[in-house]
């Protein structure tokens, strides 16, 4: 008995306890009587709507610097609760408001998570409840991979998770924490490549950790807010300009690429933004070829129209003799 009381006394001197991986909190005690200043401060901190409701019910306007507490120190809400419990028979008739408030404050300031268990004449303080263990894993929600020219699929969601998670873990996590119902789960593992360490060229390191990509089918569709792909062209260009002006995304990418090229190239380079990969170079070559073919086709159409009108087609201009200026184009 003395050991249990000593344990309870030590617990009441600390705001929080840690027993078996669980934390138990102790609420601050509000024992009456409160000082006059505390009563005035409690009245002044009452929400405006609550204060108006009390004034309308009582018909009295509470001036600034006054308190609406009763003679026993109870607030109007506490006194109304006391009367309601007494009329419904939930508390004894002879219980005074001061004693009832003392019992309420004693319960508020009790040590949470414990109860007194009596075995004969000995009272034991034992913890109650079941420990709850929250997950310590991270789910990174990213947009789905959408090929160019295809619409975004709102019935799929993509997550980056730890490689140790299974499909059952992913389904249980989404259902238990967020209430997300899934239809299927597709996973694939990504292993970081080995690269040579710049400080120690004889060793290889991984630039980032391995992760697992999980593509989850959704029962209810989910639409990403403010996706650039879903915006009209004018609004999307304006949004891209705002992002570029605020964060400099493309400028940072160009600078990183230029710095990388300076390290791997032994001779001075002429850096052109957007021309650092084989794909971009081939795309630029094809665009220039299309422009050249367009000019050729346009000139051919012009010659055909001149031939239909019976006009002579001059090739070379003043670089040729006058006798050879008018030369018909080959049929």
C-alpha atoms as a PDB file:
ATOM      1  CA  UNK A   1       0.000   0.000   0.000  1.00  0.00           C
ATOM      2  CA  UNK A   2       2.764   2.404   0.949  1.00  0.00           C
ATOM      3  CA  UNK A   3       4.662   1.515  -2.241  1.00  0.00           C
ATOM      4  CA  UNK A   4       1.613   2.209  -4.400  1.00  0.00           C
ATOM      5  CA  UNK A   5       0.966   5.546  -2.702  1.00  0.00           C
ATOM      6  CA  UNK A   6       4.609   6.512  -3.046  1.00  0.00           C
ATOM      7  CA  UNK A   7       4.528   5.648  -6.743  1.00  0.00           C
ATOM      8  CA  UNK A   8       1.353   7.703  -7.226  1.00  0.00           C
ATOM      9  CA  UNK A   9       2.916  10.632  -5.347  1.00  0.00           C
ATOM     10  CA  UNK A  10       6.006  10.526  -7.579  1.00  0.00           C
ATOM     11  CA  UNK A  11       3.817  10.357 -10.684  1.00  0.00           C
ATOM     12  CA  UNK A  12       1.829  13.424  -9.683  1.00  0.00           C
ATOM     13  CA  UNK A  13       5.052  15.441  -9.477  1.00  0.00           C
ATOM     14  CA  UNK A  14       5.839  14.845 -13.190  1.00  0.00           C
ATOM     15  CA  UNK A  15       3.749  16.043 -16.160  1.00  0.00           C
ATOM     16  CA  UNK A  16       4.329  12.890 -18.201  1.00  0.00           C
ATOM     17  CA  UNK A  17       5.231   9.265 -17.558  1.00  0.00           C
ATOM     18  CA  UNK A  18       6.923   6.708 -19.792  1.00  0.00           C
ATOM     19  CA  UNK A  19       6.073   3.119 -19.020  1.00  0.00           C
ATOM     20  CA  UNK A  20       6.547   0.244 -21.427  1.00  0.00           C
ATOM     21  CA  UNK A  21       6.722   2.435 -24.526  1.00  0.00           C
ATOM     22  CA  UNK A  22       3.527   4.323 -23.596  1.00  0.00           C
ATOM     23  CA  UNK A  23       3.155   7.912 -22.417  1.00  0.00           C
ATOM     24  CA  UNK A  24       0.615   8.999 -19.824  1.00  0.00           C
ATOM     25  CA  UNK A  25      -0.231  12.659 -19.379  1.00  0.00           C
ATOM     26  CA  UNK A  26      -1.432  14.534 -16.323  1.00  0.00           C
ATOM     27  CA  UNK A  27      -3.856  17.410 -16.848  1.00  0.00           C
ATOM     28  CA  UNK A  28      -3.243  20.601 -14.846  1.00  0.00           C
ATOM     29  CA  UNK A  29      -5.403  20.936 -11.765  1.00  0.00           C
ATOM     30  CA  UNK A  30      -7.892  23.816 -11.380  1.00  0.00           C
ATOM     31  CA  UNK A  31      -8.722  23.693  -7.711  1.00  0.00           C
ATOM     32  CA  UNK A  32     -11.058  26.394  -6.300  1.00  0.00           C
ATOM     33  CA  UNK A  33     -11.169  29.002  -5.120  1.00  0.00           C
ATOM     34  CA  UNK A  34      -9.698  30.974  -7.986  1.00  0.00           C
ATOM     35  CA  UNK A  35      -8.336  34.477  -7.397  1.00  0.00           C
ATOM     36  CA  UNK A  36     -10.428  37.426  -8.472  1.00  0.00           C
ATOM     37  CA  UNK A  37      -8.024  38.247 -11.280  1.00  0.00           C
ATOM     38  CA  UNK A  38      -8.245  34.698 -12.618  1.00  0.00           C
ATOM     39  CA  UNK A  39     -12.033  34.852 -12.609  1.00  0.00           C
ATOM     40  CA  UNK A  40     -11.987  38.172 -14.497  1.00  0.00           C
ATOM     41  CA  UNK A  41      -9.485  36.834 -17.010  1.00  0.00           C
ATOM     42  CA  UNK A  42     -11.619  33.728 -17.563  1.00  0.00           C
ATOM     43  CA  UNK A  43     -14.640  35.903 -18.236  1.00  0.00           C
ATOM     44  CA  UNK A  44     -12.777  38.186 -20.651  1.00  0.00           C
ATOM     45  CA  UNK A  45     -11.344  35.219 -22.576  1.00  0.00           C
ATOM     46  CA  UNK A  46     -14.793  33.736 -23.187  1.00  0.00           C
ATOM     47  CA  UNK A  47     -15.642  33.558 -26.909  1.00  0.00           C
ATOM     48  CA  UNK A  48     -17.745  36.443 -28.156  1.00  0.00           C
ATOM     49  CA  UNK A  49     -20.608  34.196 -29.283  1.00  0.00           C
ATOM     50  CA  UNK A  50     -20.738  32.461 -25.892  1.00  0.00           C
ATOM     51  CA  UNK A  51     -20.692  35.804 -24.094  1.00  0.00           C
ATOM     52  CA  UNK A  52     -23.577  37.111 -26.207  1.00  0.00           C
ATOM     53  CA  UNK A  53     -25.584  33.959 -25.548  1.00  0.00           C
ATOM     54  CA  UNK A  54     -25.064  34.280 -21.790  1.00  0.00           C
ATOM     55  CA  UNK A  55     -26.001  37.962 -21.779  1.00  0.00           C
ATOM     56  CA  UNK A  56     -29.132  37.244 -23.804  1.00  0.00           C
ATOM     57  CA  UNK A  57     -30.140  34.472 -21.427  1.00  0.00           C
ATOM     58  CA  UNK A  58     -29.512  36.412 -18.209  1.00  0.00           C
ATOM     59  CA  UNK A  59     -30.494  39.823 -19.527  1.00  0.00           C
ATOM     60  CA  UNK A  60     -27.507  41.439 -17.831  1.00  0.00           C
ATOM     61  CA  UNK A  61     -24.586  43.139 -19.544  1.00  0.00           C
ATOM     62  CA  UNK A  62     -21.257  42.209 -17.992  1.00  0.00           C
ATOM     63  CA  UNK A  63     -18.984  45.290 -17.877  1.00  0.00           C
ATOM     64  CA  UNK A  64     -15.309  45.184 -18.706  1.00  0.00           C
ATOM     65  CA  UNK A  65     -13.218  44.199 -15.686  1.00  0.00           C
ATOM     66  CA  UNK A  66     -16.028  42.207 -14.062  1.00  0.00           C
ATOM     67  CA  UNK A  67     -16.612  38.476 -13.764  1.00  0.00           C
ATOM     68  CA  UNK A  68     -19.666  36.362 -14.452  1.00  0.00           C
ATOM     69  CA  UNK A  69     -18.714  33.663 -11.920  1.00  0.00           C
ATOM     70  CA  UNK A  70     -21.127  32.678  -9.181  1.00  0.00           C
ATOM     71  CA  UNK A  71     -20.495  33.196  -5.475  1.00  0.00           C
ATOM     72  CA  UNK A  72     -19.014  29.699  -5.284  1.00  0.00           C
ATOM     73  CA  UNK A  73     -16.533  30.427  -8.107  1.00  0.00           C
ATOM     74  CA  UNK A  74     -18.280  28.387 -10.823  1.00  0.00           C
ATOM     75  CA  UNK A  75     -18.600  29.730 -14.324  1.00  0.00           C
ATOM     76  CA  UNK A  76     -22.098  29.894 -15.844  1.00  0.00           C
ATOM     77  CA  UNK A  77     -21.404  26.774 -17.898  1.00  0.00           C
ATOM     78  CA  UNK A  78     -20.175  24.835 -14.864  1.00  0.00           C
ATOM     79  CA  UNK A  79     -23.128  25.961 -12.754  1.00  0.00           C
ATOM     80  CA  UNK A  80     -25.592  25.012 -15.523  1.00  0.00           C
ATOM     81  CA  UNK A  81     -23.962  21.591 -15.771  1.00  0.00           C
ATOM     82  CA  UNK A  82     -24.204  21.183 -11.995  1.00  0.00           C
ATOM     83  CA  UNK A  83     -27.922  21.981 -12.026  1.00  0.00           C
ATOM     84  CA  UNK A  84     -28.552  19.658 -14.969  1.00  0.00           C
ATOM     85  CA  UNK A  85     -26.778  16.732 -13.295  1.00  0.00           C
ATOM     86  CA  UNK A  86     -28.581  17.347 -10.003  1.00  0.00           C
ATOM     87  CA  UNK A  87     -32.032  17.512 -11.613  1.00  0.00           C
ATOM     88  CA  UNK A  88     -31.395  14.318 -13.607  1.00  0.00           C
ATOM     89  CA  UNK A  89     -30.286  12.483 -10.487  1.00  0.00           C
ATOM     90  CA  UNK A  90     -26.742  11.779 -11.636  1.00  0.00           C
ATOM     91  CA  UNK A  91     -25.286  13.405  -8.508  1.00  0.00           C
ATOM     92  CA  UNK A  92     -26.629  13.327  -4.913  1.00  0.00           C
ATOM     93  CA  UNK A  93     -29.035  16.063  -3.834  1.00  0.00           C
ATOM     94  CA  UNK A  94     -26.930  17.152  -0.883  1.00  0.00           C
ATOM     95  CA  UNK A  95     -23.748  17.679  -2.911  1.00  0.00           C
ATOM     96  CA  UNK A  96     -22.819  21.347  -2.855  1.00  0.00           C
ATOM     97  CA  UNK A  97     -21.456  23.132  -5.948  1.00  0.00           C
ATOM     98  CA  UNK A  98     -18.064  23.590  -4.248  1.00  0.00           C
ATOM     99  CA  UNK A  99     -17.755  19.869  -3.483  1.00  0.00           C
ATOM    100  CA  UNK A 100     -18.927  18.891  -6.961  1.00  0.00           C
ATOM    101  CA  UNK A 101     -16.365  21.212  -8.569  1.00  0.00           C
ATOM    102  CA  UNK A 102     -13.638  19.786  -6.323  1.00  0.00           C
ATOM    103  CA  UNK A 103     -14.535  16.263  -7.492  1.00  0.00           C
ATOM    104  CA  UNK A 104     -14.503  17.385 -11.118  1.00  0.00           C
ATOM    105  CA  UNK A 105     -11.094  19.014 -10.735  1.00  0.00           C
ATOM    106  CA  UNK A 106      -9.773  15.964  -8.954  1.00  0.00           C
ATOM    107  CA  UNK A 107     -10.828  13.819 -11.871  1.00  0.00           C
ATOM    108  CA  UNK A 108      -9.335  16.250 -14.368  1.00  0.00           C
ATOM    109  CA  UNK A 109      -5.976  16.171 -12.598  1.00  0.00           C
ATOM    110  CA  UNK A 110      -5.823  12.408 -12.199  1.00  0.00           C
ATOM    111  CA  UNK A 111      -2.958  10.376 -13.623  1.00  0.00           C
ATOM    112  CA  UNK A 112      -4.172   9.245 -17.021  1.00  0.00           C
ATOM    113  CA  UNK A 113      -3.732   5.637 -18.021  1.00  0.00           C
ATOM    114  CA  UNK A 114      -3.910   4.177 -14.486  1.00  0.00           C
ATOM    115  CA  UNK A 115      -6.583   2.822 -12.231  1.00  0.00           C
ATOM    116  CA  UNK A 116      -6.666   1.662  -8.631  1.00  0.00           C
ATOM    117  CA  UNK A 117      -7.162  -2.083  -8.359  1.00  0.00           C
ATOM    118  CA  UNK A 118      -8.091  -3.374  -4.905  1.00  0.00           C
ATOM    119  CA  UNK A 119      -7.134  -6.870  -3.836  1.00  0.00           C
ATOM    120  CA  UNK A 120      -8.337  -7.312  -0.328  1.00  0.00           C
ATOM    121  CA  UNK A 121      -7.026  -4.446   1.749  1.00  0.00           C
ATOM    122  CA  UNK A 122      -4.217  -3.595  -0.704  1.00  0.00           C
ATOM    123  CA  UNK A 123      -4.726  -1.091  -3.533  1.00  0.00           C
ATOM    124  CA  UNK A 124      -2.550  -1.385  -6.623  1.00  0.00           C
ATOM    125  CA  UNK A 125      -2.018   1.297  -9.255  1.00  0.00           C
ATOM    126  CA  UNK A 126      -2.024  -0.537 -12.599  1.00  0.00           C
ATOM    127  CA  UNK A 127      -1.942   0.819 -16.164  1.00  0.00           C
ATOM    128  CA  UNK A 128      -4.989   0.359 -18.354  1.00  0.00           C
ATOM    129  CA  UNK A 129      -5.583   0.350 -22.069  1.00  0.00           C
ATOM    130  CA  UNK A 130      -3.798  -1.266 -24.991  1.00  0.00           C
ATOM    131  CA  UNK A 131      -0.603   0.266 -26.459  1.00  0.00           C
ATOM    132  CA  UNK A 132      -1.039   1.619 -29.980  1.00  0.00           C
ATOM    133  CA  UNK A 133       1.975   1.441 -32.300  1.00  0.00           C
ATOM    134  CA  UNK A 134       1.848   3.831 -35.227  1.00  0.00           C
ATOM    135  CA  UNK A 135       3.747   2.941 -38.433  1.00  0.00           C
ATOM    136  CA  UNK A 136       7.216   4.408 -38.830  1.00  0.00           C
ATOM    137  CA  UNK A 137       7.365   4.008 -42.613  1.00  0.00           C
ATOM    138  CA  UNK A 138       7.259   6.702 -45.281  1.00  0.00           C
ATOM    139  CA  UNK A 139       4.997   6.760 -48.322  1.00  0.00           C
ATOM    140  CA  UNK A 140       5.957   9.301 -50.998  1.00  0.00           C
ATOM    141  CA  UNK A 141       3.009  10.159 -53.225  1.00  0.00           C
ATOM    142  CA  UNK A 142       4.123  11.129 -56.752  1.00  0.00           C
ATOM    143  CA  UNK A 143       2.239  11.732 -60.028  1.00  0.00           C
ATOM    144  CA  UNK A 144       1.753   8.804 -62.364  1.00  0.00           C
ATOM    145  CA  UNK A 145       3.977   8.307 -65.369  1.00  0.00           C
ATOM    146  CA  UNK A 146       1.892   9.435 -68.335  1.00  0.00           C
ATOM    147  CA  UNK A 147       3.333   8.926 -71.858  1.00  0.00           C
ATOM    148  CA  UNK A 148       3.123  11.957 -74.166  1.00  0.00           C
ATOM    149  CA  UNK A 149      -0.222  12.287 -75.890  1.00  0.00           C
ATOM    150  CA  UNK A 150      -2.117  10.131 -73.387  1.00  0.00           C
ATOM    151  CA  UNK A 151      -4.538  11.425 -70.719  1.00  0.00           C
ATOM    152  CA  UNK A 152      -3.761  11.164 -67.035  1.00  0.00           C
ATOM    153  CA  UNK A 153      -5.281   8.120 -65.326  1.00  0.00           C
ATOM    154  CA  UNK A 154      -7.029   9.265 -62.118  1.00  0.00           C
ATOM    155  CA  UNK A 155      -7.778   5.689 -61.045  1.00  0.00           C
ATOM    156  CA  UNK A 156      -4.097   4.972 -60.383  1.00  0.00           C
ATOM    157  CA  UNK A 157      -1.743   6.289 -57.719  1.00  0.00           C
ATOM    158  CA  UNK A 158       2.034   5.937 -57.539  1.00  0.00           C
ATOM    159  CA  UNK A 159       4.005   5.702 -54.297  1.00  0.00           C
ATOM    160  CA  UNK A 160       7.689   5.395 -53.464  1.00  0.00           C
ATOM    161  CA  UNK A 161       8.065   3.088 -50.460  1.00  0.00           C
ATOM    162  CA  UNK A 162      10.745   1.094 -48.680  1.00  0.00           C
ATOM    163  CA  UNK A 163      11.908  -2.084 -50.481  1.00  0.00           C
ATOM    164  CA  UNK A 164      10.939  -4.221 -47.460  1.00  0.00           C
ATOM    165  CA  UNK A 165       7.204  -3.450 -47.783  1.00  0.00           C
ATOM    166  CA  UNK A 166       4.959  -6.032 -49.375  1.00  0.00           C
ATOM    167  CA  UNK A 167       1.732  -5.540 -51.288  1.00  0.00           C
ATOM    168  CA  UNK A 168      -0.249  -6.598 -48.223  1.00  0.00           C
ATOM    169  CA  UNK A 169       1.532  -3.949 -46.130  1.00  0.00           C
ATOM    170  CA  UNK A 170       0.757  -1.266 -48.703  1.00  0.00           C
ATOM    171  CA  UNK A 171      -2.906  -2.233 -48.951  1.00  0.00           C
ATOM    172  CA  UNK A 172      -3.320  -2.358 -45.161  1.00  0.00           C
ATOM    173  CA  UNK A 173      -1.536   0.976 -44.670  1.00  0.00           C
ATOM    174  CA  UNK A 174      -3.714   2.841 -47.176  1.00  0.00           C
ATOM    175  CA  UNK A 175      -6.928   1.271 -45.893  1.00  0.00           C
ATOM    176  CA  UNK A 176      -6.253   1.690 -42.177  1.00  0.00           C
ATOM    177  CA  UNK A 177      -4.817   5.207 -42.144  1.00  0.00           C
ATOM    178  CA  UNK A 178      -6.502   6.956 -45.071  1.00  0.00           C
ATOM    179  CA  UNK A 179      -9.471   4.750 -45.934  1.00  0.00           C
ATOM    180  CA  UNK A 180      -8.258   4.310 -49.518  1.00  0.00           C
ATOM    181  CA  UNK A 181      -9.766   1.275 -51.231  1.00  0.00           C
ATOM    182  CA  UNK A 182      -7.490  -0.418 -53.739  1.00  0.00           C
ATOM    183  CA  UNK A 183      -8.166  -2.786 -56.623  1.00  0.00           C
ATOM    184  CA  UNK A 184      -4.638  -3.890 -57.520  1.00  0.00           C
ATOM    185  CA  UNK A 185      -1.030  -3.154 -56.638  1.00  0.00           C
ATOM    186  CA  UNK A 186       1.957  -3.360 -58.983  1.00  0.00           C
ATOM    187  CA  UNK A 187       5.465  -3.054 -57.542  1.00  0.00           C
ATOM    188  CA  UNK A 188       8.961  -2.867 -58.987  1.00  0.00           C
ATOM    189  CA  UNK A 189      12.302  -2.362 -57.234  1.00  0.00           C
ATOM    190  CA  UNK A 190      14.811   0.312 -58.195  1.00  0.00           C
ATOM    191  CA  UNK A 191      18.439  -0.270 -57.215  1.00  0.00           C
ATOM    192  CA  UNK A 192      20.725   2.748 -57.190  1.00  0.00           C
ATOM    193  CA  UNK A 193      23.635   2.447 -59.648  1.00  0.00           C
ATOM    194  CA  UNK A 194      27.216   2.225 -58.455  1.00  0.00           C
ATOM    195  CA  UNK A 195      29.335   5.258 -59.302  1.00  0.00           C
ATOM    196  CA  UNK A 196      32.974   5.982 -58.649  1.00  0.00           C
ATOM    197  CA  UNK A 197      33.667   8.069 -55.579  1.00  0.00           C
ATOM    198  CA  UNK A 198      35.198  11.437 -56.441  1.00  0.00           C
ATOM    199  CA  UNK A 199      37.303  11.544 -53.274  1.00  0.00           C
ATOM    200  CA  UNK A 200      38.484   7.935 -53.486  1.00  0.00           C
ATOM    201  CA  UNK A 201      38.485   6.770 -57.152  1.00  0.00           C
ATOM    202  CA  UNK A 202      39.218   3.167 -56.126  1.00  0.00           C
ATOM    203  CA  UNK A 203      35.839   2.768 -54.412  1.00  0.00           C
ATOM    204  CA  UNK A 204      32.271   2.799 -55.698  1.00  0.00           C
ATOM    205  CA  UNK A 205      29.291   4.288 -53.898  1.00  0.00           C
ATOM    206  CA  UNK A 206      25.570   4.587 -54.483  1.00  0.00           C
ATOM    207  CA  UNK A 207      24.247   8.088 -55.072  1.00  0.00           C
ATOM    208  CA  UNK A 208      20.876   7.347 -53.430  1.00  0.00           C
ATOM    209  CA  UNK A 209      19.164   4.508 -51.616  1.00  0.00           C
ATOM    210  CA  UNK A 210      17.109   1.775 -53.203  1.00  0.00           C
ATOM    211  CA  UNK A 211      13.348   2.150 -53.232  1.00  0.00           C
ATOM    212  CA  UNK A 212      10.237   0.370 -54.437  1.00  0.00           C
ATOM    213  CA  UNK A 213       7.662   1.910 -56.734  1.00  0.00           C
ATOM    214  CA  UNK A 214       4.082   0.833 -56.077  1.00  0.00           C
ATOM    215  CA  UNK A 215       1.357   1.545 -58.639  1.00  0.00           C
ATOM    216  CA  UNK A 216      -1.977   1.209 -56.848  1.00  0.00           C
ATOM    217  CA  UNK A 217      -5.365   0.932 -58.489  1.00  0.00           C
ATOM    218  CA  UNK A 218      -8.024   3.141 -56.871  1.00  0.00           C
ATOM    219  CA  UNK A 219     -11.740   2.533 -56.489  1.00  0.00           C
ATOM    220  CA  UNK A 220     -12.421   6.293 -56.301  1.00  0.00           C
ATOM    221  CA  UNK A 221     -10.613   8.633 -58.735  1.00  0.00           C
ATOM    222  CA  UNK A 222      -8.049  11.135 -57.526  1.00  0.00           C
ATOM    223  CA  UNK A 223      -7.150  14.283 -59.458  1.00  0.00           C
ATOM    224  CA  UNK A 224      -3.985  16.216 -58.713  1.00  0.00           C
ATOM    225  CA  UNK A 225      -4.710  19.896 -58.052  1.00  0.00           C
ATOM    226  CA  UNK A 226      -3.202  22.494 -60.407  1.00  0.00           C
ATOM    227  CA  UNK A 227      -1.594  20.044 -62.832  1.00  0.00           C
ATOM    228  CA  UNK A 228       0.096  21.860 -65.698  1.00  0.00           C
ATOM    229  CA  UNK A 229      -1.066  19.200 -68.140  1.00  0.00           C
ATOM    230  CA  UNK A 230      -4.725  19.867 -67.292  1.00  0.00           C
ATOM    231  CA  UNK A 231      -4.514  23.641 -67.670  1.00  0.00           C
ATOM    232  CA  UNK A 232      -5.349  25.553 -70.868  1.00  0.00           C
ATOM    233  CA  UNK A 233      -2.342  26.513 -72.945  1.00  0.00           C
ATOM    234  CA  UNK A 234      -2.386  30.213 -72.006  1.00  0.00           C
ATOM    235  CA  UNK A 235      -2.843  29.506 -68.307  1.00  0.00           C
ATOM    236  CA  UNK A 236      -0.176  26.809 -68.393  1.00  0.00           C
ATOM    237  CA  UNK A 237       2.389  29.124 -70.014  1.00  0.00           C
ATOM    238  CA  UNK A 238       1.630  31.788 -67.448  1.00  0.00           C
ATOM    239  CA  UNK A 239       2.018  29.263 -64.624  1.00  0.00           C
ATOM    240  CA  UNK A 240       5.338  28.008 -66.046  1.00  0.00           C
ATOM    241  CA  UNK A 241       6.619  31.579 -66.275  1.00  0.00           C
ATOM    242  CA  UNK A 242       5.630  32.214 -62.662  1.00  0.00           C
ATOM    243  CA  UNK A 243       7.395  29.046 -61.509  1.00  0.00           C
ATOM    244  CA  UNK A 244      10.486  29.896 -63.522  1.00  0.00           C
ATOM    245  CA  UNK A 245      10.561  33.442 -62.202  1.00  0.00           C
ATOM    246  CA  UNK A 246      10.070  32.338 -58.592  1.00  0.00           C
ATOM    247  CA  UNK A 247      12.266  29.231 -58.468  1.00  0.00           C
ATOM    248  CA  UNK A 248      14.419  29.239 -61.629  1.00  0.00           C
ATOM    249  CA  UNK A 249      13.838  25.550 -62.330  1.00  0.00           C
ATOM    250  CA  UNK A 250      15.015  25.504 -65.939  1.00  0.00           C
ATOM    251  CA  UNK A 251      17.922  27.860 -65.214  1.00  0.00           C
ATOM    252  CA  UNK A 252      19.150  25.553 -62.457  1.00  0.00           C
ATOM    253  CA  UNK A 253      18.914  22.544 -64.785  1.00  0.00           C
ATOM    254  CA  UNK A 254      20.874  24.354 -67.500  1.00  0.00           C
ATOM    255  CA  UNK A 255      23.559  25.406 -65.037  1.00  0.00           C
ATOM    256  CA  UNK A 256      23.947  21.861 -63.686  1.00  0.00           C
ATOM    257  CA  UNK A 257      24.248  20.501 -67.214  1.00  0.00           C
ATOM    258  CA  UNK A 258      26.791  23.153 -68.184  1.00  0.00           C
ATOM    259  CA  UNK A 259      28.862  22.374 -65.066  1.00  0.00           C
ATOM    260  CA  UNK A 260      28.772  18.664 -65.831  1.00  0.00           C
ATOM    261  CA  UNK A 261      29.856  19.236 -69.425  1.00  0.00           C
ATOM    262  CA  UNK A 262      32.738  21.419 -68.288  1.00  0.00           C
ATOM    263  CA  UNK A 263      34.019  18.594 -66.099  1.00  0.00           C
ATOM    264  CA  UNK A 264      33.811  15.865 -68.738  1.00  0.00           C
ATOM    265  CA  UNK A 265      34.935  17.902 -71.786  1.00  0.00           C
ATOM    266  CA  UNK A 266      38.666  18.595 -72.196  1.00  0.00           C
ATOM    267  CA  UNK A 267      38.248  21.409 -74.724  1.00  0.00           C
ATOM    268  CA  UNK A 268      36.143  24.571 -74.465  1.00  0.00           C
ATOM    269  CA  UNK A 269      32.521  23.967 -75.303  1.00  0.00           C
ATOM    270  CA  UNK A 270      29.793  26.168 -76.668  1.00  0.00           C
ATOM    271  CA  UNK A 271      26.842  25.399 -74.500  1.00  0.00           C
ATOM    272  CA  UNK A 272      23.378  25.680 -75.992  1.00  0.00           C
ATOM    273  CA  UNK A 273      20.495  25.173 -73.554  1.00  0.00           C
ATOM    274  CA  UNK A 274      18.520  22.076 -74.434  1.00  0.00           C
ATOM    275  CA  UNK A 275      21.318  20.485 -76.534  1.00  0.00           C
ATOM    276  CA  UNK A 276      23.113  18.173 -74.122  1.00  0.00           C
ATOM    277  CA  UNK A 277      21.648  14.738 -74.904  1.00  0.00           C
ATOM    278  CA  UNK A 278      21.572  12.571 -77.992  1.00  0.00           C
ATOM    279  CA  UNK A 279      17.799  12.712 -78.092  1.00  0.00           C
ATOM    280  CA  UNK A 280      17.692  16.523 -78.063  1.00  0.00           C
ATOM    281  CA  UNK A 281      20.423  16.740 -80.709  1.00  0.00           C
ATOM    282  CA  UNK A 282      18.591  14.336 -83.038  1.00  0.00           C
ATOM    283  CA  UNK A 283      15.346  16.183 -82.468  1.00  0.00           C
ATOM    284  CA  UNK A 284      17.020  19.473 -83.382  1.00  0.00           C
ATOM    285  CA  UNK A 285      18.504  17.922 -86.531  1.00  0.00           C
ATOM    286  CA  UNK A 286      15.111  16.627 -87.623  1.00  0.00           C
ATOM    287  CA  UNK A 287      13.500  20.024 -87.006  1.00  0.00           C
ATOM    288  CA  UNK A 288      16.114  21.769 -89.124  1.00  0.00           C
ATOM    289  CA  UNK A 289      15.651  19.154 -91.838  1.00  0.00           C
ATOM    290  CA  UNK A 290      11.892  19.702 -91.832  1.00  0.00           C
ATOM    291  CA  UNK A 291      12.379  23.457 -92.132  1.00  0.00           C
ATOM    292  CA  UNK A 292      14.765  22.964 -95.061  1.00  0.00           C
ATOM    293  CA  UNK A 293      12.378  20.602 -96.848  1.00  0.00           C
ATOM    294  CA  UNK A 294       9.573  23.096 -96.258  1.00  0.00           C
ATOM    295  CA  UNK A 295      11.590  25.824 -97.988  1.00  0.00           C
ATOM    296  CA  UNK A 296      12.360  23.497-100.899  1.00  0.00           C
ATOM    297  CA  UNK A 297       8.687  22.568-101.332  1.00  0.00           C
ATOM    298  CA  UNK A 298       7.662  26.220-101.182  1.00  0.00           C
ATOM    299  CA  UNK A 299      10.185  27.173-103.872  1.00  0.00           C
ATOM    300  CA  UNK A 300       9.049  24.258-106.056  1.00  0.00           C
ATOM    301  CA  UNK A 301       5.425  25.406-105.819  1.00  0.00           C
ATOM    302  CA  UNK A 302       6.483  28.946-106.787  1.00  0.00           C
ATOM    303  CA  UNK A 303       8.289  27.639-109.906  1.00  0.00           C
ATOM    304  CA  UNK A 304       5.283  25.542-110.866  1.00  0.00           C
ATOM    305  CA  UNK A 305       2.990  28.574-110.699  1.00  0.00           C
ATOM    306  CA  UNK A 306       5.446  30.638-112.807  1.00  0.00           C
ATOM    307  CA  UNK A 307       5.642  27.855-115.411  1.00  0.00           C
ATOM    308  CA  UNK A 308       1.847  27.693-115.666  1.00  0.00           C
ATOM    309  CA  UNK A 309       1.715  31.442-116.303  1.00  0.00           C
ATOM    310  CA  UNK A 310       4.399  31.091-119.029  1.00  0.00           C
ATOM    311  CA  UNK A 311       7.023  33.082-117.181  1.00  0.00           C
ATOM    312  CA  UNK A 312      10.730  32.336-117.444  1.00  0.00           C
ATOM    313  CA  UNK A 313      12.515  31.127-114.329  1.00  0.00           C
ATOM    314  CA  UNK A 314      15.830  32.857-113.681  1.00  0.00           C
ATOM    315  CA  UNK A 315      18.493  30.967-111.776  1.00  0.00           C
ATOM    316  CA  UNK A 316      21.640  32.555-110.380  1.00  0.00           C
ATOM    317  CA  UNK A 317      20.634  36.215-110.834  1.00  0.00           C
ATOM    318  CA  UNK A 318      23.466  38.607-111.785  1.00  0.00           C
ATOM    319  CA  UNK A 319      26.179  36.035-111.226  1.00  0.00           C
ATOM    320  CA  UNK A 320      25.688  34.674-114.765  1.00  0.00           C
ATOM    321  CA  UNK A 321      26.052  36.419-118.140  1.00  0.00           C
ATOM    322  CA  UNK A 322      23.078  38.227-119.592  1.00  0.00           C
ATOM    323  CA  UNK A 323      22.745  35.708-122.396  1.00  0.00           C
ATOM    324  CA  UNK A 324      22.324  32.949-119.832  1.00  0.00           C
ATOM    325  CA  UNK A 325      20.039  34.727-117.348  1.00  0.00           C
ATOM    326  CA  UNK A 326      16.754  33.389-118.683  1.00  0.00           C
ATOM    327  CA  UNK A 327      16.983  29.661-118.311  1.00  0.00           C
ATOM    328  CA  UNK A 328      13.971  27.447-118.103  1.00  0.00           C
ATOM    329  CA  UNK A 329      13.807  25.015-115.279  1.00  0.00           C
ATOM    330  CA  UNK A 330      14.144  21.384-116.315  1.00  0.00           C
ATOM    331  CA  UNK A 331      10.884  19.737-117.162  1.00  0.00           C
END
